[in-house]
N, C-alpha and C. Protein backbone atom coordinates (compact mmCIF):
# COMPACT_ATOMS: atom_id res chain seq x y z
N MET A 1 5.22 -19.63 11.98
CA MET A 1 4.20 -18.85 11.22
C MET A 1 5.08 -17.68 10.31
N GLY A 2 6.14 -17.14 10.89
CA GLY A 2 6.57 -16.00 10.01
C GLY A 2 6.21 -14.59 11.00
N GLN A 3 7.13 -13.60 10.37
CA GLN A 3 6.70 -12.16 10.54
C GLN A 3 6.15 -11.75 9.66
N TYR A 4 5.29 -10.54 10.41
CA TYR A 4 4.29 -9.87 9.16
C TYR A 4 5.09 -8.35 9.23
N TYR A 5 4.85 -7.47 8.57
CA TYR A 5 5.49 -6.31 8.47
C TYR A 5 4.13 -5.31 7.75
N LYS A 6 4.37 -4.07 8.07
CA LYS A 6 3.73 -2.53 7.69
C LYS A 6 4.66 -1.81 7.22
N VAL A 7 4.24 -0.63 6.10
CA VAL A 7 4.98 0.30 5.75
C VAL A 7 4.89 1.48 6.71
N VAL A 8 5.38 2.12 7.70
CA VAL A 8 4.93 3.08 8.91
C VAL A 8 5.57 4.17 8.39
N ASN A 9 4.77 5.53 8.40
CA ASN A 9 5.39 6.93 8.33
C ASN A 9 5.22 7.36 9.61
N THR A 10 6.43 7.30 10.89
CA THR A 10 6.35 7.81 11.93
C THR A 10 6.08 9.09 12.11
N THR A 11 6.54 10.22 10.92
CA THR A 11 6.04 11.30 11.13
C THR A 11 4.87 11.67 11.03
N LYS A 12 3.96 11.18 9.92
CA LYS A 12 2.80 11.88 9.66
C LYS A 12 1.50 10.90 10.36
N LYS A 13 2.31 9.47 10.95
CA LYS A 13 1.68 8.68 11.68
C LYS A 13 0.16 8.08 10.53
N GLN A 14 1.08 7.38 9.63
CA GLN A 14 0.38 6.88 8.53
C GLN A 14 1.09 5.21 8.30
N VAL A 15 0.12 4.46 7.75
CA VAL A 15 0.46 3.18 7.44
C VAL A 15 -0.20 3.01 6.08
N MET A 16 0.55 1.63 5.73
CA MET A 16 0.15 0.98 4.27
C MET A 16 0.36 -0.42 5.25
N ASN A 17 -0.74 -1.29 4.75
CA ASN A 17 -0.14 -2.64 4.72
C ASN A 17 -0.17 -3.68 3.53
N PRO A 18 0.34 -4.51 3.62
CA PRO A 18 0.82 -5.04 2.03
C PRO A 18 -0.69 -5.89 1.74
N HIS A 19 -1.43 -6.33 2.75
CA HIS A 19 -2.72 -7.23 2.30
C HIS A 19 -3.78 -6.19 1.42
N SER A 20 -3.84 -4.70 1.46
CA SER A 20 -4.49 -3.73 1.22
C SER A 20 -4.05 -4.24 -0.72
N PHE A 21 -3.06 -4.48 -0.99
CA PHE A 21 -2.31 -4.24 -2.12
C PHE A 21 -2.32 -5.62 -2.34
N GLY A 22 -2.90 -6.36 -2.25
CA GLY A 22 -2.92 -7.77 -2.61
C GLY A 22 -1.73 -8.65 -2.49
N SER A 23 -1.07 -8.23 -1.58
CA SER A 23 0.13 -8.78 -1.63
C SER A 23 0.38 -9.80 -0.16
N GLY A 24 1.36 -10.51 0.13
CA GLY A 24 1.58 -11.17 1.55
C GLY A 24 2.29 -10.03 2.72
N ALA A 25 1.96 -10.36 3.58
CA ALA A 25 2.74 -9.69 4.72
C ALA A 25 3.73 -9.48 4.73
N LYS A 26 4.87 -10.87 4.57
CA LYS A 26 5.82 -11.28 4.79
C LYS A 26 7.07 -10.39 4.23
N LEU A 27 8.32 -10.21 4.56
CA LEU A 27 9.09 -9.06 3.94
C LEU A 27 9.54 -9.37 2.38
N MET A 28 9.62 -10.72 2.43
CA MET A 28 10.08 -11.50 1.15
C MET A 28 8.98 -11.34 -0.28
N GLU A 29 7.21 -11.64 0.71
CA GLU A 29 6.47 -11.63 -0.34
C GLU A 29 5.99 -10.23 -1.10
N PHE A 30 5.90 -9.46 0.07
CA PHE A 30 5.39 -7.86 -0.76
C PHE A 30 6.73 -7.46 -1.09
N SER A 31 8.06 -7.39 -0.75
CA SER A 31 9.06 -6.83 -1.58
C SER A 31 9.32 -7.23 -3.04
N SER A 32 8.93 -8.13 -3.46
CA SER A 32 9.10 -9.01 -4.74
C SER A 32 7.93 -8.91 -5.74
N ASP A 33 6.65 -8.32 -5.00
CA ASP A 33 5.62 -8.67 -5.59
C ASP A 33 5.34 -7.13 -6.59
N ARG A 34 5.33 -7.54 -7.99
CA ARG A 34 4.68 -6.80 -9.13
C ARG A 34 3.37 -5.46 -8.87
N MET A 35 2.38 -6.12 -8.16
CA MET A 35 1.67 -4.88 -7.95
C MET A 35 1.27 -4.24 -6.38
N SER A 36 2.59 -4.61 -5.97
CA SER A 36 2.91 -4.39 -4.66
C SER A 36 2.90 -2.92 -3.84
N ILE A 37 2.82 -2.90 -2.21
CA ILE A 37 3.17 -1.79 -1.50
C ILE A 37 4.17 -1.11 -1.83
N MET A 38 5.31 -1.65 -2.65
CA MET A 38 6.73 -1.35 -2.90
C MET A 38 6.50 0.28 -3.58
N GLN A 39 5.52 -0.45 -4.79
CA GLN A 39 4.80 0.45 -5.85
C GLN A 39 4.57 2.03 -5.07
N GLY A 40 3.57 1.66 -4.29
CA GLY A 40 2.96 2.66 -3.66
C GLY A 40 4.08 3.65 -2.63
N LEU A 41 5.16 2.62 -1.97
CA LEU A 41 6.09 3.39 -1.48
C LEU A 41 6.71 4.47 -1.91
N ALA A 42 6.96 3.97 -3.43
CA ALA A 42 8.03 4.75 -4.25
C ALA A 42 7.31 6.05 -4.62
N ILE A 43 5.72 5.91 -5.13
CA ILE A 43 5.16 7.14 -5.40
C ILE A 43 5.10 8.11 -4.02
N LEU A 44 5.00 7.63 -2.75
CA LEU A 44 5.16 8.66 -1.48
C LEU A 44 6.46 8.95 -1.50
N LEU A 45 7.57 8.54 -1.82
CA LEU A 45 8.90 9.11 -1.77
C LEU A 45 9.32 9.83 -2.64
N ALA A 46 8.52 9.63 -3.90
CA ALA A 46 9.30 10.19 -5.05
C ALA A 46 8.73 11.95 -4.92
N ASP A 47 10.30 12.30 -5.40
CA ASP A 47 10.49 14.35 -5.34
C ASP A 47 10.72 14.32 -6.97
N GLY A 48 9.66 14.80 -7.29
CA GLY A 48 9.91 15.56 -8.63
C GLY A 48 9.22 15.06 -9.87
N ASN A 49 7.87 14.04 -9.31
CA ASN A 49 7.27 13.28 -10.28
C ASN A 49 6.55 14.35 -11.24
N GLY A 50 6.45 13.68 -12.36
CA GLY A 50 5.61 14.04 -13.31
C GLY A 50 6.42 14.89 -14.35
N ARG A 51 7.81 15.15 -13.85
CA ARG A 51 8.59 15.95 -14.78
C ARG A 51 9.58 15.14 -15.99
N GLY A 52 9.28 13.91 -16.14
CA GLY A 52 10.05 12.84 -17.29
C GLY A 52 8.87 11.90 -17.84
N GLY A 53 9.46 11.28 -18.78
CA GLY A 53 8.89 10.01 -19.10
C GLY A 53 9.02 8.68 -17.81
N GLY A 54 7.67 8.16 -17.96
CA GLY A 54 8.49 6.89 -16.85
C GLY A 54 7.44 7.25 -15.84
N ASP A 55 7.14 8.62 -15.24
CA ASP A 55 6.49 9.40 -13.82
C ASP A 55 5.56 8.27 -13.73
N LEU A 56 4.39 8.49 -12.59
CA LEU A 56 3.46 8.27 -12.53
C LEU A 56 2.27 9.59 -12.87
N ARG A 57 1.35 9.29 -13.79
CA ARG A 57 0.37 10.27 -14.39
C ARG A 57 -0.44 10.69 -13.28
N SER A 58 -0.27 11.75 -12.59
CA SER A 58 -1.09 11.92 -11.50
C SER A 58 -0.56 13.26 -10.75
N GLU A 59 -1.54 13.99 -10.78
CA GLU A 59 -1.39 15.25 -9.96
C GLU A 59 -1.54 15.25 -8.32
N ASN A 60 -1.93 14.19 -7.95
CA ASN A 60 -2.82 14.08 -6.77
C ASN A 60 -1.60 14.17 -5.45
N PRO A 61 -1.77 15.18 -4.69
CA PRO A 61 -0.91 15.79 -3.68
C PRO A 61 -0.29 14.50 -2.73
N LEU A 62 -0.84 13.67 -2.90
CA LEU A 62 -0.18 12.34 -2.15
C LEU A 62 0.81 11.61 -2.63
N VAL A 63 1.26 12.25 -3.91
CA VAL A 63 2.47 11.48 -4.55
C VAL A 63 3.56 12.71 -4.01
N GLY A 64 4.52 11.82 -3.14
CA GLY A 64 5.78 12.88 -2.91
C GLY A 64 5.60 13.04 -1.40
N SER A 65 4.53 12.98 -0.67
CA SER A 65 3.95 13.43 0.42
C SER A 65 4.90 13.10 1.67
N TRP A 66 5.44 11.63 1.52
CA TRP A 66 6.45 10.72 2.46
C TRP A 66 8.05 11.20 2.33
N ALA A 67 8.17 12.00 1.26
CA ALA A 67 9.46 12.42 0.78
C ALA A 67 10.45 13.34 1.98
N GLY A 68 11.40 12.55 2.44
CA GLY A 68 11.99 13.37 3.94
C GLY A 68 11.56 13.01 5.34
N ASP A 69 10.47 12.08 5.37
CA ASP A 69 9.71 11.77 6.55
C ASP A 69 10.54 10.41 6.82
N SER A 70 10.66 10.34 8.29
CA SER A 70 10.99 9.05 9.28
C SER A 70 9.97 7.77 8.56
N ILE A 71 10.50 6.79 7.70
CA ILE A 71 9.88 5.58 7.21
C ILE A 71 10.43 4.16 7.60
N VAL A 72 9.44 3.68 8.53
CA VAL A 72 10.27 2.05 8.39
C VAL A 72 9.08 0.95 8.52
N ILE A 73 9.88 -0.40 7.86
CA ILE A 73 8.97 -1.15 7.32
C ILE A 73 9.15 -2.18 8.94
N ALA A 74 8.11 -1.87 9.60
CA ALA A 74 7.81 -2.68 10.93
C ALA A 74 7.50 -3.82 10.96
N GLY A 75 7.99 -4.65 11.70
CA GLY A 75 7.90 -6.35 11.87
C GLY A 75 7.07 -6.13 13.31
N ASP A 76 5.89 -7.43 13.02
CA ASP A 76 5.37 -7.58 14.50
C ASP A 76 6.21 -8.02 15.58
N TYR A 77 7.33 -8.45 15.19
CA TYR A 77 8.38 -9.07 15.99
C TYR A 77 9.53 -7.81 16.68
N GLY A 78 9.13 -6.66 15.97
CA GLY A 78 10.30 -5.67 16.05
C GLY A 78 10.23 -5.36 17.91
N ASP A 79 11.38 -4.56 18.33
CA ASP A 79 11.53 -4.18 19.28
C ASP A 79 10.69 -3.04 20.19
N GLU A 80 10.25 -3.49 21.21
CA GLU A 80 9.47 -2.80 21.62
C GLU A 80 10.20 -1.88 22.25
N GLY A 81 9.48 -0.27 22.11
CA GLY A 81 10.13 0.60 22.60
C GLY A 81 11.00 1.72 21.61
N LYS A 82 11.60 0.67 20.33
CA LYS A 82 11.78 1.36 19.24
C LYS A 82 11.03 2.11 18.32
N PHE A 83 11.29 3.11 18.39
CA PHE A 83 10.64 4.32 16.99
C PHE A 83 9.41 4.53 17.87
N VAL A 84 8.95 4.30 19.12
CA VAL A 84 7.60 4.59 19.81
C VAL A 84 8.21 5.19 21.31
N GLN A 85 6.71 6.00 21.73
CA GLN A 85 7.21 6.39 23.31
C GLN A 85 7.22 5.37 24.34
N ASP A 86 5.94 4.61 24.06
CA ASP A 86 5.40 3.52 25.02
C ASP A 86 6.42 2.25 25.10
N GLU A 87 7.25 2.49 25.90
CA GLU A 87 8.32 1.03 25.93
C GLU A 87 7.87 -0.49 25.94
N LYS A 88 6.30 -0.69 26.31
CA LYS A 88 5.59 -1.81 26.10
C LYS A 88 5.25 -2.13 24.93
N VAL A 89 5.29 -1.38 23.66
CA VAL A 89 4.64 -1.84 22.55
C VAL A 89 5.98 -1.73 21.30
N ASN A 90 5.75 -2.48 20.41
CA ASN A 90 6.74 -2.05 19.14
C ASN A 90 5.68 -1.31 18.28
N LEU A 91 6.37 -0.79 17.08
CA LEU A 91 5.77 0.37 16.30
C LEU A 91 4.83 -0.30 15.25
N TYR A 92 5.03 -1.80 15.16
CA TYR A 92 3.74 -2.67 14.47
C TYR A 92 2.41 -2.37 14.92
N ARG A 93 2.79 -2.87 16.21
CA ARG A 93 1.17 -2.59 17.12
C ARG A 93 0.69 -1.29 17.32
N GLU A 94 1.87 -0.15 17.46
CA GLU A 94 1.35 1.20 17.49
C GLU A 94 0.75 2.01 16.36
N ALA A 95 1.50 1.11 15.15
CA ALA A 95 0.62 1.94 13.96
C ALA A 95 -0.65 1.35 13.80
N ASN A 96 -1.28 0.26 14.30
CA ASN A 96 -2.89 -0.06 14.36
C ASN A 96 -3.33 1.28 14.49
N ASP A 97 -3.19 2.17 15.34
CA ASP A 97 -3.81 3.58 15.76
C ASP A 97 -3.73 4.80 14.65
N TYR A 98 -2.84 4.43 13.44
CA TYR A 98 -2.42 5.46 12.53
C TYR A 98 -3.14 5.26 11.42
N GLU A 99 -2.87 6.28 10.96
CA GLU A 99 -3.96 6.42 9.91
C GLU A 99 -3.56 5.68 8.57
N ASP A 100 -4.48 4.41 8.03
CA ASP A 100 -4.41 3.60 6.96
C ASP A 100 -4.71 4.17 5.54
N ILE A 101 -3.34 4.37 4.78
CA ILE A 101 -3.70 4.96 3.86
C ILE A 101 -3.16 4.40 2.61
N SER A 102 -3.48 2.82 2.88
CA SER A 102 -3.47 2.34 1.61
C SER A 102 -4.20 2.30 0.44
N PHE A 103 -5.48 2.22 0.59
CA PHE A 103 -6.26 2.61 -0.62
C PHE A 103 -6.36 3.81 -1.23
N LYS A 104 -6.21 4.66 -0.48
CA LYS A 104 -5.66 6.21 -0.93
C LYS A 104 -4.69 6.05 -1.82
N VAL A 105 -3.71 5.01 -1.55
CA VAL A 105 -2.13 5.23 -2.47
C VAL A 105 -2.73 4.29 -3.52
N ILE A 106 -3.52 3.41 -3.72
CA ILE A 106 -3.82 2.57 -4.54
C ILE A 106 -4.78 3.49 -5.64
N GLU A 107 -5.44 4.37 -5.22
CA GLU A 107 -6.38 5.19 -6.15
C GLU A 107 -5.32 6.14 -6.61
N VAL A 108 -4.43 6.58 -5.93
CA VAL A 108 -3.47 7.36 -6.84
C VAL A 108 -2.86 6.67 -8.05
N LEU A 109 -2.25 5.22 -7.82
CA LEU A 109 -1.69 4.32 -8.71
C LEU A 109 -2.71 4.59 -9.80
N CYS A 110 -4.12 4.40 -9.23
CA CYS A 110 -4.88 4.01 -10.44
C CYS A 110 -5.32 5.41 -11.58
N ASP A 111 -4.41 6.22 -11.21
CA ASP A 111 -4.44 7.65 -12.02
C ASP A 111 -3.90 7.31 -13.17
N ASP A 112 -2.82 6.76 -13.30
CA ASP A 112 -2.08 6.13 -14.64
C ASP A 112 -2.85 5.06 -15.18
N PRO A 113 -3.25 5.35 -16.34
CA PRO A 113 -4.08 4.26 -17.00
C PRO A 113 -3.82 3.16 -17.27
N TRP A 114 -2.24 2.73 -17.66
CA TRP A 114 -1.44 1.68 -17.27
C TRP A 114 -1.57 0.94 -16.17
N TRP A 115 -1.49 1.23 -15.19
CA TRP A 115 -1.53 0.71 -14.09
C TRP A 115 -2.92 0.35 -13.55
N LYS A 116 -4.05 0.99 -13.57
CA LYS A 116 -5.46 1.01 -13.51
C LYS A 116 -5.72 -0.36 -14.47
N GLN A 117 -5.27 -0.56 -15.74
CA GLN A 117 -5.78 -1.48 -16.53
C GLN A 117 -5.26 -2.59 -16.03
N ASP A 118 -3.49 -2.73 -15.23
CA ASP A 118 -3.07 -4.01 -14.92
C ASP A 118 -3.66 -4.24 -13.64
N TYR A 119 -3.99 -3.55 -12.80
CA TYR A 119 -4.85 -3.67 -11.60
C TYR A 119 -5.97 -4.52 -11.88
N TYR A 120 -6.96 -4.02 -12.72
CA TYR A 120 -8.31 -4.43 -13.20
C TYR A 120 -8.14 -5.71 -13.57
N GLU A 121 -7.36 -6.09 -14.83
CA GLU A 121 -6.81 -7.39 -15.11
C GLU A 121 -6.66 -8.53 -14.29
N ASN A 122 -5.69 -7.94 -13.01
CA ASN A 122 -5.36 -8.64 -12.08
C ASN A 122 -6.54 -9.45 -11.17
N TRP A 123 -7.52 -8.56 -11.35
CA TRP A 123 -8.50 -8.74 -10.59
C TRP A 123 -9.60 -9.48 -11.54
N GLU A 124 -9.48 -9.41 -12.72
CA GLU A 124 -10.40 -10.33 -13.75
C GLU A 124 -9.67 -11.62 -13.54
N SER A 125 -8.37 -11.83 -13.65
CA SER A 125 -7.84 -13.00 -13.73
C SER A 125 -8.43 -13.80 -12.71
N GLN A 126 -8.75 -13.14 -11.18
CA GLN A 126 -8.95 -14.13 -10.19
C GLN A 126 -10.79 -13.91 -10.01
N ASP A 127 -11.30 -14.10 -11.19
CA ASP A 127 -12.72 -13.97 -11.63
C ASP A 127 -13.56 -13.09 -10.53
N PHE A 128 -12.84 -11.89 -10.81
CA PHE A 128 -13.44 -10.65 -9.96
C PHE A 128 -13.97 -10.90 -8.74
N SER A 129 -13.25 -11.93 -8.03
CA SER A 129 -13.37 -12.23 -6.51
C SER A 129 -11.93 -11.53 -5.70
N ASP A 130 -12.12 -11.29 -4.50
CA ASP A 130 -11.05 -11.43 -3.77
C ASP A 130 -11.45 -11.48 -2.22
N TRP A 131 -10.39 -12.57 -1.65
CA TRP A 131 -10.78 -13.05 -0.33
C TRP A 131 -11.01 -12.04 0.78
N HIS A 132 -10.38 -10.75 0.37
CA HIS A 132 -10.27 -9.52 1.37
C HIS A 132 -11.60 -8.88 1.28
N GLU A 133 -12.23 -8.55 2.21
CA GLU A 133 -13.59 -8.05 1.80
C GLU A 133 -13.33 -6.94 1.56
N GLU A 134 -12.85 -6.03 2.65
CA GLU A 134 -12.38 -4.69 2.07
C GLU A 134 -11.61 -4.20 0.49
N ARG A 135 -11.04 -4.76 0.30
CA ARG A 135 -10.05 -4.92 -1.01
C ARG A 135 -11.24 -4.99 -2.19
N GLN A 136 -12.29 -6.08 -1.55
CA GLN A 136 -12.95 -6.49 -2.94
C GLN A 136 -14.09 -5.43 -3.19
N ALA A 137 -14.62 -4.80 -1.84
CA ALA A 137 -15.37 -3.56 -1.90
C ALA A 137 -14.81 -2.30 -2.53
N PHE A 138 -13.54 -2.12 -2.18
CA PHE A 138 -12.58 -1.27 -2.59
C PHE A 138 -12.68 -1.45 -4.56
N LYS A 139 -12.70 -2.56 -4.98
CA LYS A 139 -12.32 -2.98 -6.34
C LYS A 139 -13.58 -2.62 -7.18
N GLU A 140 -14.61 -2.71 -6.22
CA GLU A 140 -16.17 -2.28 -6.89
C GLU A 140 -16.25 -1.13 -6.96
N LYS A 141 -15.83 -0.15 -5.87
CA LYS A 141 -16.00 1.12 -5.93
C LYS A 141 -15.26 1.80 -7.04
N LEU A 142 -13.84 1.07 -7.19
CA LEU A 142 -13.63 1.71 -8.60
C LEU A 142 -13.99 1.43 -10.19
N PHE A 143 -14.32 0.37 -10.14
CA PHE A 143 -14.62 -0.67 -11.17
C PHE A 143 -16.02 -0.93 -11.16
N GLY A 144 -17.01 -1.10 -10.44
CA GLY A 144 -18.14 -1.39 -10.38
C GLY A 144 -17.88 -2.81 -10.11
N LYS A 145 -19.35 -3.29 -10.32
CA LYS A 145 -19.62 -4.86 -9.65
C LYS A 145 -19.40 -5.45 -10.77
N GLN A 146 -18.64 -6.31 -10.91
CA GLN A 146 -18.29 -7.07 -12.29
C GLN A 146 -18.93 -8.81 -11.94
N LEU A 147 -19.31 -8.89 -13.25
CA LEU A 147 -20.10 -10.63 -13.12
C LEU A 147 -19.04 -11.40 -13.97
N VAL A 148 -18.95 -12.85 -13.45
CA VAL A 148 -18.31 -13.48 -13.96
C VAL A 148 -19.23 -14.29 -15.30
N THR A 149 -18.95 -14.03 -16.43
CA THR A 149 -19.91 -14.99 -17.59
C THR A 149 -19.04 -16.12 -18.27
N LYS A 150 -18.79 -17.41 -17.72
CA LYS A 150 -18.11 -18.25 -18.15
C LYS A 150 -19.22 -19.31 -18.41
């Protein structure tokens, strides 16, 4: 079946889930996906955003908020007791109790008009539907309900 991953900030007790970004949760699925969680991680870790061309066009304080923190890409087969206090659980499981900021990060990415347009066009290519109900509701919140007119 394979191992699934989450991006976990152990300092702030926050987490991002690849599925929220529309990516697979296996390491090689989300690490090479164009509209992926890795872009979200990059903006969270960015120090000095907004000072040059090619930066994310956003003043949101979430940008750079993970810079300097302890970050782990935690797998569901990860070692129990590593990065956590309870020796009977692993970080992947413990992160279920952390704040999931995935959709907040996607909203920040959407501050950039190019990224938002690309995100919309990706959704459009799927006939404005999404198998992930929470992600579908999020897209409808961002863009309104879209109707397929084919």
